[in-house]
Amino acid sequence: EDVGGAAGDESGYLCPNQQVAMNETVQKKFTAFGWSEWEIREGRELELRGCLDNKLDGQACLDLGDIPADEFRGKCNKAMPPTYEASLVYKLPVNNKWKA
């Protein structure tokens, strides 16, 4: 599956193109009530399974004055046309995730 384009590759514009080092230490912000003792079980981490991004054609967008006020948020406008859209597929276990 596609998990992102190479640096400079337009097809991977929004998708991550580098693996995140899993051995990085994250500072634990919540230490009260034993929260700092909890860890994610091995193999139960968030996993990016797929990422595809597409360049969008903004030529179908409307001028701001041509969009009715009640449809503004649902219409593409030329003042801020969309350029890309991304479709991400994640695997995130819900149960049996934490260990103390």
N, C-alpha and C. Protein backbone atom coordinates (compact mmCIF):
# COMPACT_ATOMS: atom_id res chain seq x y z
N GLU A 1 0.83 -1.19 0.00
CA GLU A 1 0.00 0.00 0.00
C GLU A 1 0.87 1.25 0.00
N ASP A 2 0.35 2.33 -0.53
CA ASP A 2 1.09 3.57 -0.59
C ASP A 2 1.06 4.24 0.78
N VAL A 3 2.22 4.51 1.35
CA VAL A 3 2.29 5.21 2.63
C VAL A 3 3.02 6.53 2.49
N GLY A 4 2.94 7.12 1.33
CA GLY A 4 3.52 8.45 1.14
C GLY A 4 4.54 8.48 0.04
N GLY A 5 4.64 9.62 -0.60
CA GLY A 5 5.58 9.78 -1.69
C GLY A 5 6.95 10.18 -1.17
N ALA A 6 7.91 10.11 -2.07
CA ALA A 6 9.27 10.53 -1.74
C ALA A 6 9.33 12.04 -1.64
N ALA A 7 10.34 12.56 -0.98
CA ALA A 7 10.49 14.01 -0.85
C ALA A 7 10.52 14.64 -2.24
N GLY A 8 9.71 15.65 -2.43
CA GLY A 8 9.63 16.31 -3.72
C GLY A 8 8.67 15.65 -4.68
N ASP A 9 8.14 14.49 -4.35
CA ASP A 9 7.18 13.79 -5.19
C ASP A 9 5.81 14.39 -4.94
N GLU A 10 5.21 14.97 -5.97
CA GLU A 10 3.93 15.66 -5.79
C GLU A 10 2.82 14.71 -5.34
N SER A 11 2.91 13.42 -5.67
CA SER A 11 1.86 12.49 -5.26
C SER A 11 1.88 12.24 -3.76
N GLY A 12 2.97 12.56 -3.08
CA GLY A 12 3.05 12.37 -1.64
C GLY A 12 3.04 13.67 -0.88
N TYR A 13 2.38 14.67 -1.42
CA TYR A 13 2.40 16.02 -0.86
C TYR A 13 1.91 16.06 0.57
N LEU A 14 0.80 15.41 0.88
CA LEU A 14 0.23 15.44 2.22
C LEU A 14 0.56 14.20 3.03
N CYS A 15 0.98 13.15 2.40
CA CYS A 15 1.24 11.90 3.10
C CYS A 15 2.64 11.91 3.71
N PRO A 16 2.79 11.30 4.88
CA PRO A 16 4.11 11.24 5.50
C PRO A 16 5.06 10.45 4.61
N ASN A 17 6.28 10.93 4.46
CA ASN A 17 7.22 10.24 3.60
C ASN A 17 8.45 9.74 4.36
N GLN A 18 8.42 9.81 5.67
CA GLN A 18 9.52 9.30 6.47
C GLN A 18 8.95 8.51 7.63
N GLN A 19 9.62 7.42 7.97
CA GLN A 19 9.21 6.64 9.12
C GLN A 19 9.53 7.41 10.39
N VAL A 20 8.65 7.33 11.38
CA VAL A 20 8.89 7.96 12.67
C VAL A 20 9.67 6.95 13.52
N ALA A 21 10.74 7.42 14.12
CA ALA A 21 11.54 6.54 14.96
C ALA A 21 10.73 6.09 16.17
N MET A 22 10.56 4.81 16.34
CA MET A 22 9.75 4.29 17.44
C MET A 22 10.50 4.31 18.77
N ASN A 23 11.82 4.54 18.75
CA ASN A 23 12.57 4.55 20.00
C ASN A 23 12.68 5.94 20.60
N GLU A 24 11.98 6.91 20.03
CA GLU A 24 11.99 8.26 20.59
C GLU A 24 11.25 8.25 21.92
N THR A 25 11.77 8.98 22.88
CA THR A 25 11.15 9.08 24.19
C THR A 25 10.26 10.31 24.23
N VAL A 26 9.03 10.12 24.62
CA VAL A 26 8.08 11.21 24.74
C VAL A 26 7.92 11.56 26.21
N GLN A 27 8.03 12.84 26.52
CA GLN A 27 7.88 13.26 27.90
C GLN A 27 6.44 13.06 28.34
N LYS A 28 6.25 12.41 29.48
CA LYS A 28 4.91 12.15 29.99
C LYS A 28 4.40 13.38 30.72
N LYS A 29 3.28 13.92 30.26
CA LYS A 29 2.75 15.16 30.83
C LYS A 29 1.83 14.91 32.02
N PHE A 30 1.18 13.75 32.06
CA PHE A 30 0.21 13.48 33.12
C PHE A 30 0.81 12.45 34.07
N THR A 31 1.20 12.91 35.24
CA THR A 31 1.85 12.02 36.18
C THR A 31 1.02 11.73 37.43
N ALA A 32 -0.03 12.51 37.65
CA ALA A 32 -0.87 12.31 38.83
C ALA A 32 -1.64 10.99 38.72
N PHE A 33 -1.95 10.41 39.87
CA PHE A 33 -2.77 9.21 39.98
C PHE A 33 -2.18 8.01 39.23
N GLY A 34 -0.87 8.00 39.03
CA GLY A 34 -0.23 6.85 38.40
C GLY A 34 -0.30 6.82 36.88
N TRP A 35 -0.74 7.90 36.26
CA TRP A 35 -0.86 7.92 34.79
C TRP A 35 0.49 7.69 34.12
N SER A 36 1.58 8.12 34.73
CA SER A 36 2.90 7.97 34.11
C SER A 36 3.35 6.51 34.05
N GLU A 37 2.67 5.62 34.77
CA GLU A 37 3.04 4.20 34.78
C GLU A 37 2.47 3.43 33.58
N TRP A 38 1.51 4.01 32.89
CA TRP A 38 0.85 3.31 31.78
C TRP A 38 1.67 3.41 30.50
N GLU A 39 1.71 2.33 29.75
CA GLU A 39 2.40 2.28 28.46
C GLU A 39 1.53 1.51 27.47
N ILE A 40 1.78 1.73 26.20
CA ILE A 40 1.05 0.99 25.16
C ILE A 40 1.74 -0.36 24.96
N ARG A 41 0.94 -1.41 24.93
CA ARG A 41 1.49 -2.75 24.71
C ARG A 41 2.14 -2.84 23.33
N GLU A 42 3.21 -3.60 23.25
CA GLU A 42 3.90 -3.79 21.97
C GLU A 42 2.95 -4.43 20.96
N GLY A 43 2.93 -3.89 19.76
CA GLY A 43 2.06 -4.41 18.71
C GLY A 43 0.67 -3.79 18.72
N ARG A 44 0.39 -2.90 19.69
CA ARG A 44 -0.94 -2.29 19.79
C ARG A 44 -0.89 -0.79 19.48
N GLU A 45 0.18 -0.32 18.82
CA GLU A 45 0.36 1.08 18.52
C GLU A 45 -0.52 1.50 17.34
N LEU A 46 -0.68 2.81 17.18
CA LEU A 46 -1.33 3.38 16.02
C LEU A 46 -0.47 3.07 14.81
N GLU A 47 -1.09 2.57 13.74
CA GLU A 47 -0.34 2.19 12.55
C GLU A 47 -0.97 2.83 11.32
N LEU A 48 -0.15 3.53 10.55
CA LEU A 48 -0.63 4.10 9.29
C LEU A 48 -0.56 3.00 8.24
N ARG A 49 -1.72 2.59 7.74
CA ARG A 49 -1.78 1.50 6.77
C ARG A 49 -1.72 2.00 5.33
N GLY A 50 -2.25 3.18 5.07
CA GLY A 50 -2.25 3.69 3.71
C GLY A 50 -2.51 5.17 3.68
N CYS A 51 -1.93 5.83 2.69
CA CYS A 51 -2.14 7.25 2.53
C CYS A 51 -2.07 7.58 1.05
N LEU A 52 -3.10 8.18 0.55
CA LEU A 52 -3.15 8.63 -0.84
C LEU A 52 -3.55 10.09 -0.84
N ASP A 53 -2.90 10.87 -1.67
CA ASP A 53 -3.34 12.25 -1.81
C ASP A 53 -3.50 12.59 -3.29
N ASN A 54 -4.43 13.49 -3.54
CA ASN A 54 -4.76 13.89 -4.90
C ASN A 54 -4.74 15.39 -5.01
N LYS A 55 -4.19 15.88 -6.11
CA LYS A 55 -4.24 17.30 -6.38
C LYS A 55 -5.63 17.62 -6.91
N LEU A 56 -6.23 18.69 -6.43
CA LEU A 56 -7.58 19.07 -6.83
C LEU A 56 -7.56 20.21 -7.84
N ASP A 57 -8.54 20.23 -8.70
CA ASP A 57 -8.69 21.29 -9.69
C ASP A 57 -9.61 22.35 -9.11
N GLY A 58 -9.08 23.54 -8.87
CA GLY A 58 -9.86 24.62 -8.27
C GLY A 58 -10.61 25.47 -9.26
N GLN A 59 -10.61 25.10 -10.54
CA GLN A 59 -11.27 25.92 -11.55
C GLN A 59 -12.79 25.91 -11.42
N ALA A 60 -13.35 24.93 -10.76
CA ALA A 60 -14.80 24.86 -10.57
C ALA A 60 -15.27 25.72 -9.40
N CYS A 61 -14.33 26.34 -8.68
CA CYS A 61 -14.68 27.16 -7.53
C CYS A 61 -15.38 28.45 -7.96
N LEU A 62 -16.20 28.99 -7.05
CA LEU A 62 -16.99 30.19 -7.34
C LEU A 62 -16.40 31.41 -6.66
N ASP A 63 -16.70 32.59 -7.20
CA ASP A 63 -16.34 33.84 -6.53
C ASP A 63 -17.15 33.95 -5.25
N LEU A 64 -16.60 34.59 -4.24
CA LEU A 64 -17.29 34.72 -2.96
C LEU A 64 -18.66 35.36 -3.11
N GLY A 65 -18.79 36.37 -3.96
CA GLY A 65 -20.06 37.06 -4.14
C GLY A 65 -21.14 36.22 -4.80
N ASP A 66 -20.74 35.11 -5.43
CA ASP A 66 -21.69 34.25 -6.13
C ASP A 66 -22.22 33.10 -5.26
N ILE A 67 -21.70 32.99 -4.04
CA ILE A 67 -22.11 31.90 -3.17
C ILE A 67 -23.13 32.42 -2.16
N PRO A 68 -24.33 31.82 -2.11
CA PRO A 68 -25.32 32.24 -1.12
C PRO A 68 -24.77 32.06 0.30
N ALA A 69 -25.13 32.97 1.20
CA ALA A 69 -24.60 32.97 2.56
C ALA A 69 -24.83 31.64 3.28
N ASP A 70 -25.98 31.00 3.05
CA ASP A 70 -26.27 29.75 3.75
C ASP A 70 -25.57 28.53 3.12
N GLU A 71 -24.86 28.72 2.00
CA GLU A 71 -24.14 27.63 1.35
C GLU A 71 -22.63 27.86 1.34
N PHE A 72 -22.19 28.91 2.01
CA PHE A 72 -20.79 29.30 1.96
C PHE A 72 -19.83 28.18 2.37
N ARG A 73 -20.12 27.50 3.46
CA ARG A 73 -19.21 26.48 3.97
C ARG A 73 -19.22 25.21 3.13
N GLY A 74 -20.20 25.02 2.33
CA GLY A 74 -20.29 23.80 1.53
C GLY A 74 -19.84 23.96 0.09
N LYS A 75 -19.40 25.15 -0.28
CA LYS A 75 -19.01 25.42 -1.67
C LYS A 75 -17.53 25.78 -1.73
N CYS A 76 -16.91 25.44 -2.82
CA CYS A 76 -15.52 25.80 -3.10
C CYS A 76 -15.49 27.26 -3.54
N ASN A 77 -14.60 28.06 -2.93
CA ASN A 77 -14.52 29.46 -3.33
C ASN A 77 -13.12 29.80 -3.85
N LYS A 78 -13.06 30.78 -4.74
CA LYS A 78 -11.79 31.15 -5.38
C LYS A 78 -10.85 31.88 -4.43
N ALA A 79 -11.38 32.45 -3.35
CA ALA A 79 -10.54 33.15 -2.38
C ALA A 79 -9.61 32.17 -1.66
N MET A 80 -10.07 30.94 -1.47
CA MET A 80 -9.27 29.92 -0.79
C MET A 80 -9.60 28.55 -1.38
N PRO A 81 -9.19 28.32 -2.62
CA PRO A 81 -9.54 27.06 -3.27
C PRO A 81 -8.76 25.88 -2.68
N PRO A 82 -9.37 24.73 -2.63
CA PRO A 82 -8.64 23.54 -2.15
C PRO A 82 -7.56 23.17 -3.16
N THR A 83 -6.46 22.67 -2.68
CA THR A 83 -5.38 22.28 -3.57
C THR A 83 -5.14 20.77 -3.55
N TYR A 84 -5.29 20.15 -2.39
CA TYR A 84 -5.09 18.71 -2.26
C TYR A 84 -6.13 18.13 -1.32
N GLU A 85 -6.35 16.83 -1.46
CA GLU A 85 -7.14 16.09 -0.48
C GLU A 85 -6.35 14.83 -0.14
N ALA A 86 -6.48 14.38 1.09
CA ALA A 86 -5.76 13.19 1.53
C ALA A 86 -6.75 12.16 2.07
N SER A 87 -6.44 10.92 1.82
CA SER A 87 -7.22 9.81 2.33
C SER A 87 -6.27 8.93 3.14
N LEU A 88 -6.50 8.86 4.45
CA LEU A 88 -5.63 8.10 5.34
C LEU A 88 -6.35 6.88 5.88
N VAL A 89 -5.63 5.78 6.00
CA VAL A 89 -6.17 4.56 6.59
C VAL A 89 -5.28 4.20 7.77
N TYR A 90 -5.87 4.19 8.96
CA TYR A 90 -5.15 3.87 10.18
C TYR A 90 -5.65 2.57 10.78
N LYS A 91 -4.77 1.90 11.52
CA LYS A 91 -5.15 0.78 12.36
C LYS A 91 -4.88 1.23 13.79
N LEU A 92 -5.93 1.25 14.61
CA LEU A 92 -5.79 1.66 16.00
C LEU A 92 -6.56 0.69 16.89
N PRO A 93 -5.84 -0.19 17.56
CA PRO A 93 -6.51 -1.11 18.48
C PRO A 93 -7.22 -0.35 19.59
N VAL A 94 -8.40 -0.83 19.98
CA VAL A 94 -9.19 -0.17 21.01
C VAL A 94 -9.05 -0.90 22.34
N ASN A 95 -9.14 -2.20 22.33
CA ASN A 95 -9.08 -2.99 23.57
C ASN A 95 -7.69 -3.58 23.78
N ASN A 96 -7.40 -3.92 25.03
CA ASN A 96 -6.15 -4.58 25.40
C ASN A 96 -4.94 -3.79 24.89
N LYS A 97 -5.02 -2.46 25.02
CA LYS A 97 -3.99 -1.59 24.48
C LYS A 97 -2.96 -1.17 25.53
N TRP A 98 -3.37 -1.02 26.76
CA TRP A 98 -2.52 -0.42 27.78
C TRP A 98 -1.98 -1.46 28.75
N LYS A 99 -0.78 -1.19 29.28
CA LYS A 99 -0.23 -2.00 30.37
C LYS A 99 0.31 -1.04 31.43
N ALA A 100 0.25 -1.47 32.67
CA ALA A 100 0.73 -0.63 33.77
C ALA A 100 1.96 -1.25 34.38
